[in-house]
C-alpha atoms as a PDB file:
ATOM      1  CA  MET A   1     107.948 182.735 215.651  1.00  0.00           C
ATOM      2  CA  ALA A   2     108.843 179.069 215.951  1.00  0.00           C
ATOM      3  CA  GLU A   3     111.166 177.948 218.727  1.00  0.00           C
ATOM      4  CA  HIS A   4     113.768 175.268 218.026  1.00  0.00           C
ATOM      5  CA  ALA A   5     113.874 172.535 220.648  1.00  0.00           C
ATOM      6  CA  HIS A   6     117.620 172.025 220.189  1.00  0.00           C
ATOM      7  CA  SER A   7     118.649 175.690 220.241  1.00  0.00           C
ATOM      8  CA  ILE A   8     120.846 176.938 223.045  1.00  0.00           C
ATOM      9  CA  GLU A   9     119.863 180.134 224.779  1.00  0.00           C
ATOM     10  CA  HIS A  10     122.527 182.799 224.349  1.00  0.00           C
ATOM     11  CA  HIS A  11     123.724 184.675 227.417  1.00  0.00           C
ATOM     12  CA  HIS A  12     125.535 187.874 226.530  1.00  0.00           C
ATOM     13  CA  GLY A  13     129.012 188.071 228.062  1.00  0.00           C
ATOM     14  CA  HIS A  14     129.305 184.416 229.060  1.00  0.00           C
ATOM     15  CA  MET A  15     131.622 183.177 226.306  1.00  0.00           C
ATOM     16  CA  PRO A  16     135.076 182.144 227.522  1.00  0.00           C
ATOM     17  CA  ILE A  17     137.374 184.900 226.277  1.00  0.00           C
ATOM     18  CA  GLN A  18     140.305 182.466 225.836  1.00  0.00           C
ATOM     19  CA  ALA A  19     138.408 180.556 223.142  1.00  0.00           C
ATOM     20  CA  GLN A  20     137.558 183.732 221.269  1.00  0.00           C
ATOM     21  CA  SER A  21     141.084 185.096 221.605  1.00  0.00           C
ATOM     22  CA  SER A  22     142.772 181.912 220.381  1.00  0.00           C
ATOM     23  CA  THR A  23     140.404 181.700 217.409  1.00  0.00           C
ATOM     24  CA  TYR A  24     141.112 185.321 216.504  1.00  0.00           C
ATOM     25  CA  VAL A  25     144.881 184.831 216.718  1.00  0.00           C
ATOM     26  CA  GLY A  26     144.689 181.651 214.633  1.00  0.00           C
ATOM     27  CA  VAL A  27     142.620 183.280 211.883  1.00  0.00           C
ATOM     28  CA  MET A  28     144.885 186.325 211.752  1.00  0.00           C
ATOM     29  CA  GLU A  29     147.974 184.107 211.496  1.00  0.00           C
ATOM     30  CA  LEU A  30     146.313 182.170 208.673  1.00  0.00           C
ATOM     31  CA  PHE A  31     145.490 185.383 206.808  1.00  0.00           C
ATOM     32  CA  LYS A  32     148.963 186.848 207.378  1.00  0.00           C
ATOM     33  CA  TRP A  33     150.894 183.845 206.062  1.00  0.00           C
ATOM     34  CA  GLY A  34     148.289 183.107 203.390  1.00  0.00           C
ATOM     35  CA  ALA A  35     148.580 186.642 202.022  1.00  0.00           C
ATOM     36  CA  LEU A  36     152.355 186.290 201.844  1.00  0.00           C
ATOM     37  CA  GLY A  37     152.018 182.977 200.016  1.00  0.00           C
ATOM     38  CA  VAL A  38     149.522 184.320 197.492  1.00  0.00           C
ATOM     39  CA  ALA A  39     151.595 187.456 196.858  1.00  0.00           C
ATOM     40  CA  ASP A  40     154.728 185.373 196.347  1.00  0.00           C
ATOM     41  CA  LEU A  41     152.895 183.021 193.985  1.00  0.00           C
ATOM     42  CA  ILE A  42     151.614 185.980 191.946  1.00  0.00           C
ATOM     43  CA  ILE A  43     155.144 187.385 191.679  1.00  0.00           C
ATOM     44  CA  VAL A  44     156.602 184.040 190.566  1.00  0.00           C
ATOM     45  CA  MET A  45     153.836 183.364 188.031  1.00  0.00           C
ATOM     46  CA  THR A  46     154.039 186.900 186.633  1.00  0.00           C
ATOM     47  CA  LEU A  47     157.804 186.727 186.181  1.00  0.00           C
ATOM     48  CA  TRP A  48     157.626 183.219 184.744  1.00  0.00           C
ATOM     49  CA  PHE A  49     154.842 183.720 182.211  1.00  0.00           C
ATOM     50  CA  CYS A  50     154.751 187.463 181.471  1.00  0.00           C
ATOM     51  CA  THR A  51     158.423 188.335 181.156  1.00  0.00           C
ATOM     52  CA  PRO A  52     161.380 186.797 179.370  1.00  0.00           C
ATOM     53  CA  ALA A  53     162.998 186.083 182.763  1.00  0.00           C
ATOM     54  CA  GLY A  54     162.091 182.396 182.723  1.00  0.00           C
ATOM     55  CA  PHE A  55     161.359 179.829 185.400  1.00  0.00           C
ATOM     56  CA  PHE A  56     164.625 179.807 187.344  1.00  0.00           C
ATOM     57  CA  THR A  57     164.875 183.583 187.589  1.00  0.00           C
ATOM     58  CA  ALA A  58     161.260 183.739 188.742  1.00  0.00           C
ATOM     59  CA  LEU A  59     161.954 181.014 191.277  1.00  0.00           C
ATOM     60  CA  VAL A  60     165.001 182.814 192.670  1.00  0.00           C
ATOM     61  CA  VAL A  61     163.137 186.117 192.929  1.00  0.00           C
ATOM     62  CA  GLY A  62     160.192 184.315 194.538  1.00  0.00           C
ATOM     63  CA  LEU A  63     162.444 182.713 197.140  1.00  0.00           C
ATOM     64  CA  ILE A  64     164.052 186.069 197.915  1.00  0.00           C
ATOM     65  CA  VAL A  65     160.651 187.739 198.298  1.00  0.00           C
ATOM     66  CA  LEU A  66     159.455 184.853 200.463  1.00  0.00           C
ATOM     67  CA  ALA A  67     162.522 185.101 202.709  1.00  0.00           C
ATOM     68  CA  LEU A  68     162.083 188.862 203.083  1.00  0.00           C
ATOM     69  CA  GLY A  69     158.386 188.394 203.822  1.00  0.00           C
ATOM     70  CA  VAL A  70     159.052 185.762 206.475  1.00  0.00           C
ATOM     71  CA  PHE A  71     161.716 187.998 208.027  1.00  0.00           C
ATOM     72  CA  GLY A  72     159.349 190.970 208.021  1.00  0.00           C
ATOM     73  CA  LEU A  73     156.247 189.165 209.263  1.00  0.00           C
ATOM     74  CA  ARG A  74     157.908 186.925 211.814  1.00  0.00           C
ATOM     75  CA  GLY A  75     157.986 189.626 214.486  1.00  0.00           C
ATOM     76  CA  VAL A  76     154.451 190.892 213.864  1.00  0.00           C
ATOM     77  CA  LYS A  77     152.036 189.525 216.473  1.00  0.00           C
ATOM     78  CA  ALA A  78     148.436 188.946 215.401  1.00  0.00           C
ATOM     79  CA  GLY A  79     146.834 190.516 218.475  1.00  0.00           C
ATOM     80  CA  ALA A  80     149.221 193.482 218.791  1.00  0.00           C
ATOM     81  CA  HIS A  81     147.360 196.676 217.942  1.00  0.00           C
END
């Protein structure tokens, strides 16, 4: 098997845990708020294009759902399990 001259030898258990923890928290925050945004966008687009509700009704419902989602997710910590 060929060895790479520029490869770094891995030492199990020597990664700084703070770097791993902050990356994990950042990714989970991104997924949490991204999921809320996508769900809200799906609700707005569905109401706008697939019902007779229209744009402004869809927008109002979308803003209400977004506000409720922010209120509900604001207290949830990414690393709390």
